[in-house]
Amino acid sequence: RLDGAWARWSRPWTLFAWSFLTIGIALGSWWAYNELGWGGWWFWDP
């Protein structure tokens, strides 16, 4: 069962993980856009 103490303990860790995942996705998409030179964010050739 979840209580208030567990929620208070897990919130900083959740925000920390979410922030780094968001930064990683943003940097990865920026890198792919610039480095691979496809002229778009994602380009998959079927």
PDB file of N, CA and C in Angstrom:
ATOM      1  N   ARG A   1       0.839  -1.179   0.000  1.00  0.00           N
ATOM      2  CA  ARG A   1       0.000   0.000   0.000  1.00  0.00           C
ATOM      3  C   ARG A   1       0.888   1.248   0.000  1.00  0.00           C
ATOM      4  N   LEU A   2       0.504   2.209  -0.790  1.00  0.00           N
ATOM      5  CA  LEU A   2       1.281   3.441  -0.906  1.00  0.00           C
ATOM      6  C   LEU A   2       0.764   4.477   0.084  1.00  0.00           C
ATOM      7  N   ASP A   3       1.680   5.183   0.697  1.00  0.00           N
ATOM      8  CA  ASP A   3       1.290   6.243   1.617  1.00  0.00           C
ATOM      9  C   ASP A   3       2.025   7.534   1.256  1.00  0.00           C
ATOM     10  N   GLY A   4       1.773   8.574   2.024  1.00  0.00           N
ATOM     11  CA  GLY A   4       2.365   9.880   1.741  1.00  0.00           C
ATOM     12  C   GLY A   4       3.878   9.900   1.855  1.00  0.00           C
ATOM     13  N   ALA A   5       4.425   9.130   2.798  1.00  0.00           N
ATOM     14  CA  ALA A   5       5.881   9.112   2.970  1.00  0.00           C
ATOM     15  C   ALA A   5       6.568   8.519   1.747  1.00  0.00           C
ATOM     16  N   TRP A   6       5.995   7.470   1.200  1.00  0.00           N
ATOM     17  CA  TRP A   6       6.573   6.861   0.004  1.00  0.00           C
ATOM     18  C   TRP A   6       6.516   7.835  -1.171  1.00  0.00           C
ATOM     19  N   ALA A   7       5.410   8.540  -1.307  1.00  0.00           N
ATOM     20  CA  ALA A   7       5.271   9.506  -2.397  1.00  0.00           C
ATOM     21  C   ALA A   7       6.272  10.649  -2.241  1.00  0.00           C
ATOM     22  N   ARG A   8       6.472  11.133  -1.020  1.00  0.00           N
ATOM     23  CA  ARG A   8       7.445  12.201  -0.794  1.00  0.00           C
ATOM     24  C   ARG A   8       8.864  11.720  -1.072  1.00  0.00           C
ATOM     25  N   TRP A   9       9.157  10.469  -0.787  1.00  0.00           N
ATOM     26  CA  TRP A   9      10.492   9.926  -1.021  1.00  0.00           C
ATOM     27  C   TRP A   9      10.749   9.705  -2.509  1.00  0.00           C
ATOM     28  N   SER A  10       9.737   9.249  -3.239  1.00  0.00           N
ATOM     29  CA  SER A  10       9.947   8.886  -4.643  1.00  0.00           C
ATOM     30  C   SER A  10       9.868  10.077  -5.597  1.00  0.00           C
ATOM     31  N   ARG A  11       9.224  11.152  -5.203  1.00  0.00           N
ATOM     32  CA  ARG A  11       9.062  12.286  -6.116  1.00  0.00           C
ATOM     33  C   ARG A  11      10.393  12.878  -6.583  1.00  0.00           C
ATOM     34  N   PRO A  12      11.364  13.173  -5.711  1.00  0.00           N
ATOM     35  CA  PRO A  12      12.633  13.726  -6.216  1.00  0.00           C
ATOM     36  C   PRO A  12      13.345  12.784  -7.180  1.00  0.00           C
ATOM     37  N   TRP A  13      13.320  11.483  -6.905  1.00  0.00           N
ATOM     38  CA  TRP A  13      13.968  10.520  -7.799  1.00  0.00           C
ATOM     39  C   TRP A  13      13.249  10.453  -9.145  1.00  0.00           C
ATOM     40  N   THR A  14      11.945  10.533  -9.119  1.00  0.00           N
ATOM     41  CA  THR A  14      11.177  10.508 -10.363  1.00  0.00           C
ATOM     42  C   THR A  14      11.485  11.742 -11.204  1.00  0.00           C
ATOM     43  N   LEU A  15      11.509  12.907 -10.584  1.00  0.00           N
ATOM     44  CA  LEU A  15      11.826  14.136 -11.318  1.00  0.00           C
ATOM     45  C   LEU A  15      13.257  14.125 -11.844  1.00  0.00           C
ATOM     46  N   PHE A  16      14.185  13.596 -11.061  1.00  0.00           N
ATOM     47  CA  PHE A  16      15.580  13.481 -11.487  1.00  0.00           C
ATOM     48  C   PHE A  16      15.692  12.593 -12.721  1.00  0.00           C
ATOM     49  N   ALA A  17      15.080  11.409 -12.662  1.00  0.00           N
ATOM     50  CA  ALA A  17      15.146  10.472 -13.790  1.00  0.00           C
ATOM     51  C   ALA A  17      14.446  11.049 -15.015  1.00  0.00           C
ATOM     52  N   TRP A  18      13.269  11.637 -14.824  1.00  0.00           N
ATOM     53  CA  TRP A  18      12.522  12.203 -15.943  1.00  0.00           C
ATOM     54  C   TRP A  18      13.320  13.326 -16.606  1.00  0.00           C
ATOM     55  N   SER A  19      13.965  14.162 -15.802  1.00  0.00           N
ATOM     56  CA  SER A  19      14.754  15.266 -16.351  1.00  0.00           C
ATOM     57  C   SER A  19      15.903  14.759 -17.210  1.00  0.00           C
ATOM     58  N   PHE A  20      16.645  13.771 -16.711  1.00  0.00           N
ATOM     59  CA  PHE A  20      17.776  13.265 -17.482  1.00  0.00           C
ATOM     60  C   PHE A  20      17.324  12.508 -18.730  1.00  0.00           C
ATOM     61  N   LEU A  21      16.221  11.799 -18.659  1.00  0.00           N
ATOM     62  CA  LEU A  21      15.709  11.139 -19.862  1.00  0.00           C
ATOM     63  C   LEU A  21      15.278  12.164 -20.906  1.00  0.00           C
ATOM     64  N   THR A  22      14.628  13.227 -20.475  1.00  0.00           N
ATOM     65  CA  THR A  22      14.207  14.276 -21.398  1.00  0.00           C
ATOM     66  C   THR A  22      15.410  14.956 -22.040  1.00  0.00           C
ATOM     67  N   ILE A  23      16.419  15.267 -21.237  1.00  0.00           N
ATOM     68  CA  ILE A  23      17.638  15.880 -21.770  1.00  0.00           C
ATOM     69  C   ILE A  23      18.325  14.935 -22.752  1.00  0.00           C
ATOM     70  N   GLY A  24      18.375  13.647 -22.430  1.00  0.00           N
ATOM     71  CA  GLY A  24      18.999  12.669 -23.318  1.00  0.00           C
ATOM     72  C   GLY A  24      18.281  12.542 -24.649  1.00  0.00           C
ATOM     73  N   ILE A  25      16.966  12.538 -24.617  1.00  0.00           N
ATOM     74  CA  ILE A  25      16.199  12.457 -25.862  1.00  0.00           C
ATOM     75  C   ILE A  25      16.410  13.718 -26.698  1.00  0.00           C
ATOM     76  N   ALA A  26      16.386  14.875 -26.052  1.00  0.00           N
ATOM     77  CA  ALA A  26      16.577  16.133 -26.779  1.00  0.00           C
ATOM     78  C   ALA A  26      17.972  16.211 -27.390  1.00  0.00           C
ATOM     79  N   LEU A  27      19.002  15.852 -26.617  1.00  0.00           N
ATOM     80  CA  LEU A  27      20.363  15.893 -27.153  1.00  0.00           C
ATOM     81  C   LEU A  27      20.565  14.858 -28.257  1.00  0.00           C
ATOM     82  N   GLY A  28      19.965  13.696 -28.124  1.00  0.00           N
ATOM     83  CA  GLY A  28      20.080  12.676 -29.159  1.00  0.00           C
ATOM     84  C   GLY A  28      19.422  13.097 -30.460  1.00  0.00           C
ATOM     85  N   SER A  29      18.268  13.723 -30.366  1.00  0.00           N
ATOM     86  CA  SER A  29      17.608  14.176 -31.591  1.00  0.00           C
ATOM     87  C   SER A  29      18.364  15.340 -32.222  1.00  0.00           C
ATOM     88  N   TRP A  30      18.925  16.214 -31.403  1.00  0.00           N
ATOM     89  CA  TRP A  30      19.738  17.315 -31.930  1.00  0.00           C
ATOM     90  C   TRP A  30      20.994  16.775 -32.603  1.00  0.00           C
ATOM     91  N   TRP A  31      21.634  15.796 -31.980  1.00  0.00           N
ATOM     92  CA  TRP A  31      22.835  15.189 -32.557  1.00  0.00           C
ATOM     93  C   TRP A  31      22.506  14.526 -33.894  1.00  0.00           C
ATOM     94  N   ALA A  32      21.414  13.752 -33.937  1.00  0.00           N
ATOM     95  CA  ALA A  32      21.046  13.065 -35.174  1.00  0.00           C
ATOM     96  C   ALA A  32      20.726  14.066 -36.280  1.00  0.00           C
ATOM     97  N   TYR A  33      20.090  15.155 -35.924  1.00  0.00           N
ATOM     98  CA  TYR A  33      19.744  16.165 -36.922  1.00  0.00           C
ATOM     99  C   TYR A  33      21.001  16.791 -37.518  1.00  0.00           C
ATOM    100  N   ASN A  34      21.969  17.092 -36.667  1.00  0.00           N
ATOM    101  CA  ASN A  34      23.188  17.766 -37.145  1.00  0.00           C
ATOM    102  C   ASN A  34      24.217  16.803 -37.715  1.00  0.00           C
ATOM    103  N   GLU A  35      24.480  15.722 -37.057  1.00  0.00           N
ATOM    104  CA  GLU A  35      25.567  14.813 -37.427  1.00  0.00           C
ATOM    105  C   GLU A  35      25.242  13.982 -38.663  1.00  0.00           C
ATOM    106  N   LEU A  36      24.045  13.465 -38.713  1.00  0.00           N
ATOM    107  CA  LEU A  36      23.704  12.566 -39.804  1.00  0.00           C
ATOM    108  C   LEU A  36      23.324  13.316 -41.068  1.00  0.00           C
ATOM    109  N   GLY A  37      22.934  14.565 -40.946  1.00  0.00           N
ATOM    110  CA  GLY A  37      22.694  15.411 -42.104  1.00  0.00           C
ATOM    111  C   GLY A  37      21.553  14.953 -42.984  1.00  0.00           C
ATOM    112  N   TRP A  38      20.535  14.373 -42.389  1.00  0.00           N
ATOM    113  CA  TRP A  38      19.411  13.916 -43.195  1.00  0.00           C
ATOM    114  C   TRP A  38      18.426  15.035 -43.499  1.00  0.00           C
ATOM    115  N   GLY A  39      18.599  16.171 -42.864  1.00  0.00           N
ATOM    116  CA  GLY A  39      17.712  17.293 -43.123  1.00  0.00           C
ATOM    117  C   GLY A  39      16.387  17.204 -42.397  1.00  0.00           C
ATOM    118  N   GLY A  40      16.270  16.302 -41.478  1.00  0.00           N
ATOM    119  CA  GLY A  40      15.045  16.165 -40.694  1.00  0.00           C
ATOM    120  C   GLY A  40      15.353  15.491 -39.388  1.00  0.00           C
ATOM    121  N   TRP A  41      14.384  15.466 -38.513  1.00  0.00           N
ATOM    122  CA  TRP A  41      14.618  14.884 -37.197  1.00  0.00           C
ATOM    123  C   TRP A  41      14.813  13.382 -37.286  1.00  0.00           C
ATOM    124  N   TRP A  42      13.885  12.688 -37.914  1.00  0.00           N
ATOM    125  CA  TRP A  42      14.028  11.246 -38.088  1.00  0.00           C
ATOM    126  C   TRP A  42      13.675  10.920 -39.533  1.00  0.00           C
ATOM    127  N   PHE A  43      14.455  10.029 -40.114  1.00  0.00           N
ATOM    128  CA  PHE A  43      14.198   9.629 -41.492  1.00  0.00           C
ATOM    129  C   PHE A  43      14.518   8.147 -41.615  1.00  0.00           C
ATOM    130  N   TRP A  44      13.489   7.357 -41.775  1.00  0.00           N
ATOM    131  CA  TRP A  44      13.683   5.915 -41.929  1.00  0.00           C
ATOM    132  C   TRP A  44      13.320   5.534 -43.355  1.00  0.00           C
ATOM    133  N   ASP A  45      14.250   4.909 -44.030  1.00  0.00           N
ATOM    134  CA  ASP A  45      14.022   4.500 -45.407  1.00  0.00           C
ATOM    135  C   ASP A  45      13.449   3.089 -45.406  1.00  0.00           C
ATOM    136  N   PRO A  46      12.202   2.928 -45.812  1.00  0.00           N
ATOM    137  CA  PRO A  46      11.599   1.578 -45.775  1.00  0.00           C
ATOM    138  C   PRO A  46      12.177   0.634 -46.807  1.00  0.00           C
TER     139      PRO A  46
END
